Amino acid sequence: MRTVPTEQPGTQRTDRATPLSALGQVPWSDIRDSTGSAAAIPLLLHKVASRDARTARAALDDLRERVCQFGFVVEQATAATVPFLWELAHLPGVTCRPQIIQLLRSIADARQWESVAAVYPKVLNHRENPVVWERRARQAVRARRGALPALLADRDRAIAAATAELADALSG
């Protein structure tokens, strides 16, 4: 199983870096989302950053289905996607920031594969272990919890409320 970076992209920003500039550091075509190859994720993330609210929301909905299907089933590409979601959640021009934060909360709460493995331990013997994907995804969300205070202080009440729910999920 191929491992992917989960913490580096997005943390290496400099003043000259453009939003999502680290997308190329992830081998998207080598990892999987719920549809197969995760190669479409960079384009979706760029669309989520769009100033057009309809485009951004549609892209986020598609992205959600690819990395956190049904709101609780994560995929191999989820952990690699999380740092970019955090980055987008902080960009003032992004129109769907509360929904991005809600997606981060869903990922932080995901325990579907662990629940299945508790009943059917043979799941852990598969070459591609989804329990590992789930844990890495949750760790990727937790790795950025230091960003919560800035989002909690946001003037947009929807962002602050979604962040409070995420903070609650991360405190448990």
Protein backbone atom coordinates (compact mmCIF):
# COMPACT_ATOMS: atom_id res chain seq x y z
CA MET A 1 0.00 0.00 0.00
CA ARG A 2 1.35 3.40 -0.95
CA THR A 3 1.65 5.94 1.83
CA VAL A 4 1.01 9.57 1.15
CA PRO A 5 2.10 12.70 2.96
CA THR A 6 -0.56 13.97 5.33
CA GLU A 7 1.00 16.91 7.12
CA GLN A 8 3.53 18.53 4.84
CA PRO A 9 1.41 20.08 2.07
CA GLY A 10 -0.12 23.31 3.19
CA THR A 11 2.22 23.65 6.18
CA GLN A 12 5.12 24.74 4.01
CA ARG A 13 3.47 27.95 2.91
CA THR A 14 5.54 31.04 2.63
CA ASP A 15 4.41 34.57 1.95
CA ARG A 16 5.01 33.92 -1.74
CA ALA A 17 3.09 30.63 -1.87
CA THR A 18 -0.27 30.68 -3.58
CA PRO A 19 -3.22 28.84 -2.12
CA LEU A 20 -3.03 25.11 -2.75
CA SER A 21 0.47 25.45 -4.20
CA ALA A 22 1.56 22.18 -2.56
CA LEU A 23 -1.03 20.06 -4.39
CA GLY A 24 1.65 18.84 -6.78
CA GLN A 25 3.57 17.25 -3.91
CA VAL A 26 0.92 14.53 -3.53
CA PRO A 27 0.89 11.55 -5.93
CA TRP A 28 -2.87 11.81 -6.49
CA SER A 29 -2.98 9.39 -9.42
CA ASP A 30 -1.29 6.72 -7.27
CA ILE A 31 -3.87 6.82 -4.49
CA ARG A 32 -7.58 6.10 -4.40
CA ASP A 33 -10.76 7.90 -3.48
CA SER A 34 -14.26 6.41 -3.50
CA THR A 35 -14.44 6.58 -7.31
CA GLY A 36 -11.05 5.01 -8.04
CA SER A 37 -8.04 7.20 -8.83
CA ALA A 38 -7.80 10.36 -6.74
CA ALA A 39 -6.39 12.30 -9.70
CA ALA A 40 -9.44 14.60 -9.81
CA ILE A 41 -9.00 15.87 -6.25
CA PRO A 42 -6.64 18.78 -7.10
CA LEU A 43 -9.11 20.16 -9.64
CA LEU A 44 -11.95 19.82 -7.15
CA LEU A 45 -9.95 21.63 -4.48
CA HIS A 46 -9.25 24.48 -6.91
CA LYS A 47 -12.97 24.66 -7.70
CA VAL A 48 -13.79 24.76 -3.97
CA ALA A 49 -11.52 27.82 -3.83
CA SER A 50 -13.58 29.46 -6.58
CA ARG A 51 -15.27 32.73 -5.74
CA ASP A 52 -18.37 31.44 -7.52
CA ALA A 53 -20.49 29.98 -4.70
CA ARG A 54 -22.34 27.46 -6.91
CA THR A 55 -19.12 26.11 -8.41
CA ALA A 56 -17.44 25.91 -5.01
CA ARG A 57 -20.38 24.16 -3.34
CA ALA A 58 -20.79 21.63 -6.17
CA ALA A 59 -17.07 20.85 -6.07
CA LEU A 60 -17.15 20.45 -2.29
CA ASP A 61 -20.11 18.08 -2.55
CA ASP A 62 -18.21 15.99 -5.09
CA LEU A 63 -15.06 16.09 -2.98
CA ARG A 64 -17.03 15.02 0.11
CA GLU A 65 -18.32 11.95 -1.72
CA ARG A 66 -14.79 11.07 -2.78
CA VAL A 67 -13.03 11.44 0.59
CA CYS A 68 -15.76 11.00 3.22
CA GLN A 69 -18.56 9.14 1.51
CA PHE A 70 -21.90 9.22 3.34
CA GLY A 71 -20.27 11.52 5.89
CA PHE A 72 -18.44 8.69 7.66
CA VAL A 73 -16.52 6.44 5.24
CA VAL A 74 -13.02 7.71 4.52
CA GLU A 75 -10.76 6.63 1.69
CA GLN A 76 -7.04 6.32 1.06
CA ALA A 77 -6.89 9.88 -0.33
CA THR A 78 -8.64 11.46 2.65
CA ALA A 79 -5.56 12.07 4.81
CA ALA A 80 -3.74 13.70 1.90
CA THR A 81 -6.74 15.96 1.24
CA VAL A 82 -7.15 17.20 4.83
CA PRO A 83 -4.29 19.77 4.90
CA PHE A 84 -5.77 21.44 1.82
CA LEU A 85 -9.21 21.54 3.43
CA TRP A 86 -7.67 23.28 6.43
CA GLU A 87 -5.96 25.73 4.10
CA LEU A 88 -9.22 26.50 2.29
CA ALA A 89 -11.08 26.92 5.59
CA HIS A 90 -8.76 29.83 6.39
CA LEU A 91 -9.04 31.67 3.08
CA PRO A 92 -11.50 34.57 3.38
CA GLY A 93 -12.52 34.43 -0.29
CA VAL A 94 -13.68 30.81 -0.10
CA THR A 95 -17.48 30.85 -0.13
CA CYS A 96 -18.15 27.48 1.54
CA ARG A 97 -15.88 27.67 4.56
CA PRO A 98 -18.48 26.43 7.11
CA GLN A 99 -19.15 23.38 4.94
CA ILE A 100 -15.41 22.67 4.66
CA ILE A 101 -15.14 22.77 8.44
CA GLN A 102 -18.14 20.44 8.70
CA LEU A 103 -16.36 18.03 6.35
CA LEU A 104 -13.29 18.16 8.58
CA ARG A 105 -15.53 17.30 11.52
CA SER A 106 -17.00 14.33 9.66
CA ILE A 107 -13.49 13.08 8.94
CA ALA A 108 -12.47 13.61 12.58
CA ASP A 109 -15.49 11.57 13.71
CA ALA A 110 -15.06 8.76 11.16
CA ARG A 111 -14.82 5.35 12.75
CA GLN A 112 -16.71 3.20 10.25
CA TRP A 113 -13.80 0.95 9.34
CA GLU A 114 -12.71 0.54 12.95
CA SER A 115 -16.26 -0.49 13.84
CA VAL A 116 -16.30 -3.04 11.04
CA ALA A 117 -12.88 -4.40 12.06
CA ALA A 118 -14.07 -4.82 15.66
CA VAL A 119 -16.73 -7.23 14.42
CA TYR A 120 -14.82 -8.68 11.46
CA PRO A 121 -11.09 -8.60 12.31
CA LYS A 122 -10.24 -10.15 8.94
CA VAL A 123 -10.64 -6.66 7.49
CA LEU A 124 -7.27 -5.87 9.04
CA ASN A 125 -5.62 -8.56 6.91
CA HIS A 126 -6.43 -6.92 3.59
CA ARG A 127 -3.53 -5.52 1.60
CA GLU A 128 -5.23 -2.12 1.52
CA ASN A 129 -6.21 -1.55 5.12
CA PRO A 130 -9.03 1.01 5.41
CA VAL A 131 -8.63 1.16 9.20
CA VAL A 132 -5.19 2.68 8.62
CA TRP A 133 -6.68 5.20 6.16
CA GLU A 134 -9.26 6.20 8.73
CA ARG A 135 -6.70 6.67 11.49
CA ARG A 136 -4.39 8.69 9.24
CA ALA A 137 -7.28 10.91 8.19
CA ARG A 138 -8.24 11.60 11.80
CA GLN A 139 -4.59 12.28 12.67
CA ALA A 140 -4.36 14.73 9.76
CA VAL A 141 -7.34 16.67 11.12
CA ARG A 142 -5.94 16.64 14.65
CA ALA A 143 -2.52 17.80 13.43
CA ARG A 144 -4.03 21.19 12.55
CA ARG A 145 -6.14 21.75 15.66
CA GLY A 146 -3.87 24.68 16.51
CA ALA A 147 -5.74 26.56 13.77
CA LEU A 148 -9.03 26.37 15.65
CA PRO A 149 -8.72 29.63 17.66
CA ALA A 150 -8.50 31.76 14.52
CA LEU A 151 -11.57 30.09 13.04
CA LEU A 152 -13.48 30.30 16.32
CA ALA A 153 -12.83 34.05 16.34
CA ASP A 154 -14.11 34.51 12.78
CA ARG A 155 -16.82 37.16 12.43
CA ASP A 156 -18.93 34.81 10.33
CA ARG A 157 -21.16 33.04 12.84
CA ALA A 158 -21.57 29.97 10.61
CA ILE A 159 -17.78 29.51 10.52
CA ALA A 160 -17.47 29.99 14.27
CA ALA A 161 -20.32 27.54 14.94
CA ALA A 162 -18.92 24.87 12.62
CA THR A 163 -15.51 25.36 14.20
CA ALA A 164 -16.96 24.95 17.70
CA GLU A 165 -18.45 21.61 16.60
CA LEU A 166 -15.10 20.56 15.13
CA ALA A 167 -13.29 21.61 18.31
CA ASP A 168 -15.75 19.54 20.32
CA ALA A 169 -15.14 16.52 18.10
CA LEU A 170 -11.38 16.94 18.46
CA SER A 171 -11.54 17.26 22.26
CA GLY A 172 -12.94 13.73 22.65
